[in-house]
Amino acid sequence: MPRWNTVAVEGAEPYETLRAVPGIEERQAERLAKLRAWRCGDRVHRTLAAVTAAAGGDDNLLPPMKEALAAGATVGEVCDALRAAWGPDALREAPLGAV
């Protein structure tokens, strides 16, 4: 694990928050709608259930995740399947060295 040296600077001016280029959100919504129209919903549902089952046991996660993504599941949907098995705070609650 890398060692990070953090430095706090008093009186530093706040930086401007980065913003997305206008129109990106609409284009991404269109792309997502096209993906959902193209993919087979039943296959995506089955593969995401396999990801959740593998995450809940001792199985290797990579093959079911690869299958879910190949079926057209989004990365967000795969993350939701992992959260369903592990809970939202799994990494924060894990003992040091367990992750």
PDB file of N, CA and C in Angstrom:
ATOM      1  N   MET A   1       0.841  -1.168   0.000  1.00  0.00           N
ATOM      2  CA  MET A   1       0.000   0.000   0.000  1.00  0.00           C
ATOM      3  C   MET A   1       0.896   1.244   0.000  1.00  0.00           C
ATOM      4  N   PRO A   2       0.629   2.208  -0.878  1.00  0.00           N
ATOM      5  CA  PRO A   2       1.486   3.388  -0.936  1.00  0.00           C
ATOM      6  C   PRO A   2       1.331   4.250   0.311  1.00  0.00           C
ATOM      7  N   ARG A   3       2.386   4.948   0.635  1.00  0.00           N
ATOM      8  CA  ARG A   3       2.335   5.881   1.765  1.00  0.00           C
ATOM      9  C   ARG A   3       2.151   7.282   1.180  1.00  0.00           C
ATOM     10  N   TRP A   4       1.095   7.948   1.613  1.00  0.00           N
ATOM     11  CA  TRP A   4       0.784   9.268   1.107  1.00  0.00           C
ATOM     12  C   TRP A   4       1.143  10.308   2.151  1.00  0.00           C
ATOM     13  N   ASN A   5       1.841  11.312   1.746  1.00  0.00           N
ATOM     14  CA  ASN A   5       2.134  12.445   2.609  1.00  0.00           C
ATOM     15  C   ASN A   5       1.156  13.553   2.255  1.00  0.00           C
ATOM     16  N   THR A   6       0.262  13.870   3.190  1.00  0.00           N
ATOM     17  CA  THR A   6      -0.712  14.917   2.925  1.00  0.00           C
ATOM     18  C   THR A   6      -0.231  16.214   3.545  1.00  0.00           C
ATOM     19  N   VAL A   7      -0.532  17.301   2.881  1.00  0.00           N
ATOM     20  CA  VAL A   7      -0.114  18.612   3.349  1.00  0.00           C
ATOM     21  C   VAL A   7      -1.329  19.522   3.352  1.00  0.00           C
ATOM     22  N   ALA A   8      -1.587  20.160   4.478  1.00  0.00           N
ATOM     23  CA  ALA A   8      -2.655  21.147   4.565  1.00  0.00           C
ATOM     24  C   ALA A   8      -2.026  22.529   4.513  1.00  0.00           C
ATOM     25  N   VAL A   9      -2.524  23.370   3.621  1.00  0.00           N
ATOM     26  CA  VAL A   9      -1.972  24.707   3.462  1.00  0.00           C
ATOM     27  C   VAL A   9      -3.014  25.703   3.953  1.00  0.00           C
ATOM     28  N   GLU A  10      -2.652  26.434   5.003  1.00  0.00           N
ATOM     29  CA  GLU A  10      -3.571  27.442   5.526  1.00  0.00           C
ATOM     30  C   GLU A  10      -3.647  28.609   4.559  1.00  0.00           C
ATOM     31  N   GLY A  11      -4.834  29.117   4.392  1.00  0.00           N
ATOM     32  CA  GLY A  11      -5.031  30.281   3.540  1.00  0.00           C
ATOM     33  C   GLY A  11      -5.041  29.976   2.059  1.00  0.00           C
ATOM     34  N   ALA A  12      -4.994  28.688   1.687  1.00  0.00           N
ATOM     35  CA  ALA A  12      -5.027  28.341   0.269  1.00  0.00           C
ATOM     36  C   ALA A  12      -6.410  28.644  -0.295  1.00  0.00           C
ATOM     37  N   GLU A  13      -6.419  29.137  -1.503  1.00  0.00           N
ATOM     38  CA  GLU A  13      -7.699  29.462  -2.130  1.00  0.00           C
ATOM     39  C   GLU A  13      -8.353  28.178  -2.630  1.00  0.00           C
ATOM     40  N   PRO A  14      -9.685  28.074  -2.463  1.00  0.00           N
ATOM     41  CA  PRO A  14     -10.369  26.866  -2.946  1.00  0.00           C
ATOM     42  C   PRO A  14     -10.304  26.798  -4.472  1.00  0.00           C
ATOM     43  N   TYR A  15     -10.272  25.584  -4.968  1.00  0.00           N
ATOM     44  CA  TYR A  15     -10.217  25.400  -6.413  1.00  0.00           C
ATOM     45  C   TYR A  15     -11.629  25.259  -6.968  1.00  0.00           C
ATOM     46  N   GLU A  16     -11.760  25.542  -8.234  1.00  0.00           N
ATOM     47  CA  GLU A  16     -13.063  25.464  -8.888  1.00  0.00           C
ATOM     48  C   GLU A  16     -13.398  24.004  -9.189  1.00  0.00           C
ATOM     49  N   THR A  17     -14.607  23.614  -8.880  1.00  0.00           N
ATOM     50  CA  THR A  17     -15.062  22.257  -9.138  1.00  0.00           C
ATOM     51  C   THR A  17     -15.183  22.040 -10.643  1.00  0.00           C
ATOM     52  N   LEU A  18     -14.690  20.919 -11.111  1.00  0.00           N
ATOM     53  CA  LEU A  18     -14.796  20.596 -12.536  1.00  0.00           C
ATOM     54  C   LEU A  18     -16.245  20.286 -12.891  1.00  0.00           C
ATOM     55  N   ARG A  19     -16.646  20.719 -14.029  1.00  0.00           N
ATOM     56  CA  ARG A  19     -18.011  20.484 -14.490  1.00  0.00           C
ATOM     57  C   ARG A  19     -17.964  19.769 -15.841  1.00  0.00           C
ATOM     58  N   ALA A  20     -18.989  18.954 -16.090  1.00  0.00           N
ATOM     59  CA  ALA A  20     -19.070  18.232 -17.363  1.00  0.00           C
ATOM     60  C   ALA A  20     -19.426  19.203 -18.488  1.00  0.00           C
ATOM     61  N   VAL A  21     -18.979  18.867 -19.666  1.00  0.00           N
ATOM     62  CA  VAL A  21     -19.299  19.656 -20.844  1.00  0.00           C
ATOM     63  C   VAL A  21     -20.807  19.576 -21.070  1.00  0.00           C
ATOM     64  N   PRO A  22     -21.451  20.699 -21.358  1.00  0.00           N
ATOM     65  CA  PRO A  22     -22.904  20.658 -21.577  1.00  0.00           C
ATOM     66  C   PRO A  22     -23.281  19.651 -22.664  1.00  0.00           C
ATOM     67  N   GLY A  23     -24.332  18.933 -22.431  1.00  0.00           N
ATOM     68  CA  GLY A  23     -24.838  17.954 -23.391  1.00  0.00           C
ATOM     69  C   GLY A  23     -24.372  16.533 -23.138  1.00  0.00           C
ATOM     70  N   ILE A  24     -23.352  16.339 -22.313  1.00  0.00           N
ATOM     71  CA  ILE A  24     -22.837  14.996 -22.071  1.00  0.00           C
ATOM     72  C   ILE A  24     -23.894  14.132 -21.390  1.00  0.00           C
ATOM     73  N   GLU A  25     -24.590  14.696 -20.398  1.00  0.00           N
ATOM     74  CA  GLU A  25     -25.584  13.908 -19.678  1.00  0.00           C
ATOM     75  C   GLU A  25     -26.677  13.403 -20.625  1.00  0.00           C
ATOM     76  N   GLU A  26     -27.124  14.253 -21.531  1.00  0.00           N
ATOM     77  CA  GLU A  26     -28.159  13.845 -22.486  1.00  0.00           C
ATOM     78  C   GLU A  26     -27.648  12.762 -23.437  1.00  0.00           C
ATOM     79  N   ARG A  27     -26.408  12.931 -23.921  1.00  0.00           N
ATOM     80  CA  ARG A  27     -25.837  11.917 -24.823  1.00  0.00           C
ATOM     81  C   ARG A  27     -25.651  10.582 -24.114  1.00  0.00           C
ATOM     82  N   GLN A  28     -25.210  10.618 -22.862  1.00  0.00           N
ATOM     83  CA  GLN A  28     -25.043   9.375 -22.106  1.00  0.00           C
ATOM     84  C   GLN A  28     -26.397   8.701 -21.873  1.00  0.00           C
ATOM     85  N   ALA A  29     -27.434   9.480 -21.597  1.00  0.00           N
ATOM     86  CA  ALA A  29     -28.774   8.913 -21.402  1.00  0.00           C
ATOM     87  C   ALA A  29     -29.262   8.250 -22.692  1.00  0.00           C
ATOM     88  N   GLU A  30     -28.974   8.872 -23.838  1.00  0.00           N
ATOM     89  CA  GLU A  30     -29.347   8.272 -25.124  1.00  0.00           C
ATOM     90  C   GLU A  30     -28.602   6.959 -25.357  1.00  0.00           C
ATOM     91  N   ARG A  31     -27.293   6.949 -25.065  1.00  0.00           N
ATOM     92  CA  ARG A  31     -26.503   5.728 -25.233  1.00  0.00           C
ATOM     93  C   ARG A  31     -27.003   4.613 -24.330  1.00  0.00           C
ATOM     94  N   LEU A  32     -27.366   4.957 -23.104  1.00  0.00           N
ATOM     95  CA  LEU A  32     -27.875   3.958 -22.170  1.00  0.00           C
ATOM     96  C   LEU A  32     -29.220   3.408 -22.646  1.00  0.00           C
ATOM     97  N   ALA A  33     -30.073   4.272 -23.165  1.00  0.00           N
ATOM     98  CA  ALA A  33     -31.364   3.818 -23.693  1.00  0.00           C
ATOM     99  C   ALA A  33     -31.165   2.869 -24.874  1.00  0.00           C
ATOM    100  N   LYS A  34     -30.208   3.174 -25.758  1.00  0.00           N
ATOM    101  CA  LYS A  34     -29.920   2.284 -26.893  1.00  0.00           C
ATOM    102  C   LYS A  34     -29.392   0.940 -26.410  1.00  0.00           C
ATOM    103  N   LEU A  35     -28.506   0.965 -25.414  1.00  0.00           N
ATOM    104  CA  LEU A  35     -27.963  -0.286 -24.869  1.00  0.00           C
ATOM    105  C   LEU A  35     -29.077  -1.140 -24.288  1.00  0.00           C
ATOM    106  N   ARG A  36     -29.956  -0.521 -23.500  1.00  0.00           N
ATOM    107  CA  ARG A  36     -31.050  -1.280 -22.878  1.00  0.00           C
ATOM    108  C   ARG A  36     -32.042  -1.810 -23.909  1.00  0.00           C
ATOM    109  N   ALA A  37     -32.208  -1.114 -25.029  1.00  0.00           N
ATOM    110  CA  ALA A  37     -33.088  -1.601 -26.090  1.00  0.00           C
ATOM    111  C   ALA A  37     -32.448  -2.772 -26.831  1.00  0.00           C
ATOM    112  N   TRP A  38     -31.117  -2.773 -26.955  1.00  0.00           N
ATOM    113  CA  TRP A  38     -30.392  -3.813 -27.692  1.00  0.00           C
ATOM    114  C   TRP A  38     -30.265  -5.108 -26.904  1.00  0.00           C
ATOM    115  N   ARG A  39     -30.010  -5.010 -25.616  1.00  0.00           N
ATOM    116  CA  ARG A  39     -29.678  -6.192 -24.819  1.00  0.00           C
ATOM    117  C   ARG A  39     -30.904  -7.023 -24.461  1.00  0.00           C
ATOM    118  N   CYS A  40     -30.642  -8.282 -24.125  1.00  0.00           N
ATOM    119  CA  CYS A  40     -31.689  -9.196 -23.678  1.00  0.00           C
ATOM    120  C   CYS A  40     -31.806  -9.048 -22.156  1.00  0.00           C
ATOM    121  N   GLY A  41     -32.909  -8.476 -21.696  1.00  0.00           N
ATOM    122  CA  GLY A  41     -33.101  -8.195 -20.274  1.00  0.00           C
ATOM    123  C   GLY A  41     -33.018  -9.423 -19.390  1.00  0.00           C
ATOM    124  N   ASP A  42     -33.574 -10.547 -19.870  1.00  0.00           N
ATOM    125  CA  ASP A  42     -33.536 -11.777 -19.070  1.00  0.00           C
ATOM    126  C   ASP A  42     -32.104 -12.279 -18.880  1.00  0.00           C
ATOM    127  N   ARG A  43     -31.317 -12.206 -19.934  1.00  0.00           N
ATOM    128  CA  ARG A  43     -29.919 -12.653 -19.840  1.00  0.00           C
ATOM    129  C   ARG A  43     -29.134 -11.763 -18.870  1.00  0.00           C
ATOM    130  N   VAL A  44     -29.341 -10.453 -18.949  1.00  0.00           N
ATOM    131  CA  VAL A  44     -28.658  -9.528 -18.048  1.00  0.00           C
ATOM    132  C   VAL A  44     -29.053  -9.829 -16.607  1.00  0.00           C
ATOM    133  N   HIS A  45     -30.341 -10.033 -16.376  1.00  0.00           N
ATOM    134  CA  HIS A  45     -30.825 -10.340 -15.021  1.00  0.00           C
ATOM    135  C   HIS A  45     -30.185 -11.625 -14.486  1.00  0.00           C
ATOM    136  N   ARG A  46     -30.118 -12.667 -15.321  1.00  0.00           N
ATOM    137  CA  ARG A  46     -29.513 -13.938 -14.903  1.00  0.00           C
ATOM    138  C   ARG A  46     -28.027 -13.778 -14.579  1.00  0.00           C
ATOM    139  N   THR A  47     -27.315 -13.038 -15.434  1.00  0.00           N
ATOM    140  CA  THR A  47     -25.880 -12.890 -15.211  1.00  0.00           C
ATOM    141  C   THR A  47     -25.589 -12.029 -13.992  1.00  0.00           C
ATOM    142  N   LEU A  48     -26.421 -11.020 -13.731  1.00  0.00           N
ATOM    143  CA  LEU A  48     -26.236 -10.207 -12.524  1.00  0.00           C
ATOM    144  C   LEU A  48     -26.550 -11.016 -11.267  1.00  0.00           C
ATOM    145  N   ALA A  49     -27.521 -11.915 -11.356  1.00  0.00           N
ATOM    146  CA  ALA A  49     -27.800 -12.810 -10.222  1.00  0.00           C
ATOM    147  C   ALA A  49     -26.610 -13.729  -9.969  1.00  0.00           C
ATOM    148  N   ALA A  50     -25.934 -14.158 -11.033  1.00  0.00           N
ATOM    149  CA  ALA A  50     -24.742 -15.002 -10.875  1.00  0.00           C
ATOM    150  C   ALA A  50     -23.602 -14.221 -10.222  1.00  0.00           C
ATOM    151  N   VAL A  51     -23.483 -12.927 -10.540  1.00  0.00           N
ATOM    152  CA  VAL A  51     -22.468 -12.087  -9.905  1.00  0.00           C
ATOM    153  C   VAL A  51     -22.756 -11.982  -8.405  1.00  0.00           C
ATOM    154  N   THR A  52     -24.009 -11.745  -8.046  1.00  0.00           N
ATOM    155  CA  THR A  52     -24.386 -11.637  -6.634  1.00  0.00           C
ATOM    156  C   THR A  52     -24.128 -12.949  -5.906  1.00  0.00           C
ATOM    157  N   ALA A  53     -24.444 -14.071  -6.538  1.00  0.00           N
ATOM    158  CA  ALA A  53     -24.223 -15.379  -5.915  1.00  0.00           C
ATOM    159  C   ALA A  53     -22.731 -15.648  -5.721  1.00  0.00           C
ATOM    160  N   ALA A  54     -21.923 -15.311  -6.728  1.00  0.00           N
ATOM    161  CA  ALA A  54     -20.477 -15.527  -6.615  1.00  0.00           C
ATOM    162  C   ALA A  54     -19.880 -14.623  -5.533  1.00  0.00           C
ATOM    163  N   ALA A  55     -20.379 -13.404  -5.416  1.00  0.00           N
ATOM    164  CA  ALA A  55     -19.872 -12.480  -4.403  1.00  0.00           C
ATOM    165  C   ALA A  55     -20.261 -12.931  -2.998  1.00  0.00           C
ATOM    166  N   GLY A  56     -21.363 -13.641  -2.886  1.00  0.00           N
ATOM    167  CA  GLY A  56     -21.807 -14.126  -1.586  1.00  0.00           C
ATOM    168  C   GLY A  56     -21.111 -15.400  -1.146  1.00  0.00           C
ATOM    169  N   GLY A  57     -20.383 -16.028  -2.029  1.00  0.00           N
ATOM    170  CA  GLY A  57     -19.700 -17.283  -1.702  1.00  0.00           C
ATOM    171  C   GLY A  57     -18.203 -17.151  -1.896  1.00  0.00           C
ATOM    172  N   ASP A  58     -17.584 -18.269  -2.203  1.00  0.00           N
ATOM    173  CA  ASP A  58     -16.134 -18.301  -2.401  1.00  0.00           C
ATOM    174  C   ASP A  58     -15.746 -18.428  -3.860  1.00  0.00           C
ATOM    175  N   ASP A  59     -16.713 -18.268  -4.761  1.00  0.00           N
ATOM    176  CA  ASP A  59     -16.436 -18.411  -6.188  1.00  0.00           C
ATOM    177  C   ASP A  59     -15.641 -17.225  -6.724  1.00  0.00           C
ATOM    178  N   ASN A  60     -14.971 -17.457  -7.848  1.00  0.00           N
ATOM    179  CA  ASN A  60     -14.239 -16.410  -8.541  1.00  0.00           C
ATOM    180  C   ASN A  60     -15.245 -15.439  -9.153  1.00  0.00           C
ATOM    181  N   LEU A  61     -15.078 -14.158  -8.908  1.00  0.00           N
ATOM    182  CA  LEU A  61     -16.009 -13.145  -9.415  1.00  0.00           C
ATOM    183  C   LEU A  61     -15.798 -12.790 -10.881  1.00  0.00           C
ATOM    184  N   LEU A  62     -14.599 -12.970 -11.381  1.00  0.00           N
ATOM    185  CA  LEU A  62     -14.307 -12.486 -12.726  1.00  0.00           C
ATOM    186  C   LEU A  62     -15.143 -13.141 -13.826  1.00  0.00           C
ATOM    187  N   PRO A  63     -15.305 -14.474 -13.865  1.00  0.00           N
ATOM    188  CA  PRO A  63     -16.116 -15.038 -14.947  1.00  0.00           C
ATOM    189  C   PRO A  63     -17.572 -14.544 -14.960  1.00  0.00           C
ATOM    190  N   PRO A  64     -18.281 -14.499 -13.806  1.00  0.00           N
ATOM    191  CA  PRO A  64     -19.644 -13.974 -13.879  1.00  0.00           C
ATOM    192  C   PRO A  64     -19.698 -12.480 -14.215  1.00  0.00           C
ATOM    193  N   MET A  65     -18.711 -11.714 -13.755  1.00  0.00           N
ATOM    194  CA  MET A  65     -18.696 -10.287 -14.105  1.00  0.00           C
ATOM    195  C   MET A  65     -18.470 -10.112 -15.604  1.00  0.00           C
ATOM    196  N   LYS A  66     -17.558 -10.905 -16.170  1.00  0.00           N
ATOM    197  CA  LYS A  66     -17.276 -10.838 -17.602  1.00  0.00           C
ATOM    198  C   LYS A  66     -18.527 -11.205 -18.407  1.00  0.00           C
ATOM    199  N   GLU A  67     -19.222 -12.232 -17.966  1.00  0.00           N
ATOM    200  CA  GLU A  67     -20.449 -12.653 -18.650  1.00  0.00           C
ATOM    201  C   GLU A  67     -21.529 -11.579 -18.569  1.00  0.00           C
ATOM    202  N   ALA A  68     -21.672 -10.942 -17.395  1.00  0.00           N
ATOM    203  CA  ALA A  68     -22.678  -9.887 -17.235  1.00  0.00           C
ATOM    204  C   ALA A  68     -22.373  -8.703 -18.152  1.00  0.00           C
ATOM    205  N   LEU A  69     -21.111  -8.305 -18.218  1.00  0.00           N
ATOM    206  CA  LEU A  69     -20.748  -7.188 -19.084  1.00  0.00           C
ATOM    207  C   LEU A  69     -20.912  -7.548 -20.555  1.00  0.00           C
ATOM    208  N   ALA A  70     -20.603  -8.794 -20.908  1.00  0.00           N
ATOM    209  CA  ALA A  70     -20.799  -9.243 -22.291  1.00  0.00           C
ATOM    210  C   ALA A  70     -22.279  -9.281 -22.657  1.00  0.00           C
ATOM    211  N   ALA A  71     -23.141  -9.520 -21.655  1.00  0.00           N
ATOM    212  CA  ALA A  71     -24.584  -9.556 -21.893  1.00  0.00           C
ATOM    213  C   ALA A  71     -25.172  -8.160 -22.046  1.00  0.00           C
ATOM    214  N   GLY A  72     -24.383  -7.143 -21.710  1.00  0.00           N
ATOM    215  CA  GLY A  72     -24.862  -5.773 -21.861  1.00  0.00           C
ATOM    216  C   GLY A  72     -25.173  -5.077 -20.552  1.00  0.00           C
ATOM    217  N   ALA A  73     -24.789  -5.674 -19.436  1.00  0.00           N
ATOM    218  CA  ALA A  73     -24.976  -4.999 -18.150  1.00  0.00           C
ATOM    219  C   ALA A  73     -24.004  -3.833 -18.066  1.00  0.00           C
ATOM    220  N   THR A  74     -24.414  -2.785 -17.387  1.00  0.00           N
ATOM    221  CA  THR A  74     -23.525  -1.644 -17.206  1.00  0.00           C
ATOM    222  C   THR A  74     -22.635  -1.880 -15.993  1.00  0.00           C
ATOM    223  N   VAL A  75     -21.560  -1.121 -15.898  1.00  0.00           N
ATOM    224  CA  VAL A  75     -20.661  -1.228 -14.746  1.00  0.00           C
ATOM    225  C   VAL A  75     -21.430  -0.879 -13.475  1.00  0.00           C
ATOM    226  N   GLY A  76     -22.311   0.096 -13.547  1.00  0.00           N
ATOM    227  CA  GLY A  76     -23.133   0.458 -12.394  1.00  0.00           C
ATOM    228  C   GLY A  76     -24.027  -0.685 -11.943  1.00  0.00           C
ATOM    229  N   GLU A  77     -24.587  -1.436 -12.880  1.00  0.00           N
ATOM    230  CA  GLU A  77     -25.434  -2.577 -12.518  1.00  0.00           C
ATOM    231  C   GLU A  77     -24.609  -3.681 -11.861  1.00  0.00           C
ATOM    232  N   VAL A  78     -23.384  -3.888 -12.344  1.00  0.00           N
ATOM    233  CA  VAL A  78     -22.509  -4.885 -11.726  1.00  0.00           C
ATOM    234  C   VAL A  78     -22.153  -4.443 -10.308  1.00  0.00           C
ATOM    235  N   CYS A  79     -21.863  -3.159 -10.132  1.00  0.00           N
ATOM    236  CA  CYS A  79     -21.571  -2.639  -8.788  1.00  0.00           C
ATOM    237  C   CYS A  79     -22.775  -2.803  -7.863  1.00  0.00           C
ATOM    238  N   ASP A  80     -23.971  -2.591  -8.371  1.00  0.00           N
ATOM    239  CA  ASP A  80     -25.177  -2.791  -7.564  1.00  0.00           C
ATOM    240  C   ASP A  80     -25.322  -4.251  -7.149  1.00  0.00           C
ATOM    241  N   ALA A  81     -24.971  -5.172  -8.044  1.00  0.00           N
ATOM    242  CA  ALA A  81     -25.035  -6.595  -7.701  1.00  0.00           C
ATOM    243  C   ALA A  81     -24.044  -6.931  -6.597  1.00  0.00           C
ATOM    244  N   LEU A  82     -22.856  -6.326  -6.638  1.00  0.00           N
ATOM    245  CA  LEU A  82     -21.864  -6.547  -5.580  1.00  0.00           C
ATOM    246  C   LEU A  82     -22.326  -5.943  -4.262  1.00  0.00           C
ATOM    247  N   ARG A  83     -22.945  -4.755  -4.326  1.00  0.00           N
ATOM    248  CA  ARG A  83     -23.473  -4.140  -3.106  1.00  0.00           C
ATOM    249  C   ARG A  83     -24.586  -4.985  -2.499  1.00  0.00           C
ATOM    250  N   ALA A  84     -25.355  -5.648  -3.347  1.00  0.00           N
ATOM    251  CA  ALA A  84     -26.433  -6.504  -2.843  1.00  0.00           C
ATOM    252  C   ALA A  84     -25.870  -7.661  -2.021  1.00  0.00           C
ATOM    253  N   ALA A  85     -24.709  -8.154  -2.409  1.00  0.00           N
ATOM    254  CA  ALA A  85     -24.097  -9.272  -1.689  1.00  0.00           C
ATOM    255  C   ALA A  85     -23.283  -8.806  -0.490  1.00  0.00           C
ATOM    256  N   TRP A  86     -22.571  -7.707  -0.635  1.00  0.00           N
ATOM    257  CA  TRP A  86     -21.625  -7.280   0.397  1.00  0.00           C
ATOM    258  C   TRP A  86     -22.153  -6.157   1.280  1.00  0.00           C
ATOM    259  N   GLY A  87     -23.131  -5.432   0.815  1.00  0.00           N
ATOM    260  CA  GLY A  87     -23.599  -4.264   1.546  1.00  0.00           C
ATOM    261  C   GLY A  87     -22.799  -3.037   1.134  1.00  0.00           C
ATOM    262  N   PRO A  88     -23.351  -1.853   1.358  1.00  0.00           N
ATOM    263  CA  PRO A  88     -22.692  -0.630   0.886  1.00  0.00           C
ATOM    264  C   PRO A  88     -21.416  -0.275   1.645  1.00  0.00           C
ATOM    265  N   ASP A  89     -21.255  -0.744   2.864  1.00  0.00           N
ATOM    266  CA  ASP A  89     -20.096  -0.372   3.682  1.00  0.00           C
ATOM    267  C   ASP A  89     -19.108  -1.506   3.859  1.00  0.00           C
ATOM    268  N   ALA A  90     -19.101  -2.483   2.966  1.00  0.00           N
ATOM    269  CA  ALA A  90     -18.265  -3.675   3.130  1.00  0.00           C
ATOM    270  C   ALA A  90     -16.785  -3.340   3.216  1.00  0.00           C
ATOM    271  N   LEU A  91     -16.297  -2.458   2.363  1.00  0.00           N
ATOM    272  CA  LEU A  91     -14.877  -2.145   2.376  1.00  0.00           C
ATOM    273  C   LEU A  91     -14.481  -1.344   3.606  1.00  0.00           C
ATOM    274  N   ARG A  92     -15.351  -0.464   4.061  1.00  0.00           N
ATOM    275  CA  ARG A  92     -15.032   0.340   5.241  1.00  0.00           C
ATOM    276  C   ARG A  92     -15.019  -0.487   6.506  1.00  0.00           C
ATOM    277  N   GLU A  93     -15.813  -1.567   6.547  1.00  0.00           N
ATOM    278  CA  GLU A  93     -15.923  -2.382   7.744  1.00  0.00           C
ATOM    279  C   GLU A  93     -14.959  -3.567   7.764  1.00  0.00           C
ATOM    280  N   ALA A  94     -14.292  -3.833   6.628  1.00  0.00           N
ATOM    281  CA  ALA A  94     -13.390  -4.973   6.543  1.00  0.00           C
ATOM    282  C   ALA A  94     -12.160  -4.751   7.418  1.00  0.00           C
ATOM    283  N   PRO A  95     -11.674  -5.803   8.086  1.00  0.00           N
ATOM    284  CA  PRO A  95     -10.447  -5.636   8.860  1.00  0.00           C
ATOM    285  C   PRO A  95      -9.259  -5.329   7.959  1.00  0.00           C
ATOM    286  N   LEU A  96      -8.281  -4.643   8.487  1.00  0.00           N
ATOM    287  CA  LEU A  96      -7.098  -4.270   7.720  1.00  0.00           C
ATOM    288  C   LEU A  96      -6.414  -5.505   7.167  1.00  0.00           C
ATOM    289  N   GLY A  97      -6.108  -5.481   5.886  1.00  0.00           N
ATOM    290  CA  GLY A  97      -5.447  -6.596   5.237  1.00  0.00           C
ATOM    291  C   GLY A  97      -6.411  -7.627   4.666  1.00  0.00           C
ATOM    292  N   ALA A  98      -7.727  -7.477   4.936  1.00  0.00           N
ATOM    293  CA  ALA A  98      -8.696  -8.452   4.446  1.00  0.00           C
ATOM    294  C   ALA A  98      -9.121  -8.153   3.026  1.00  0.00           C
ATOM    295  N   VAL A  99      -8.928  -6.929   2.572  1.00  0.00           N
ATOM    296  CA  VAL A  99      -9.397  -6.548   1.239  1.00  0.00           C
ATOM    297  C   VAL A  99      -8.262  -6.602   0.266  1.00  0.00           C
TER     298      VAL A  99
END
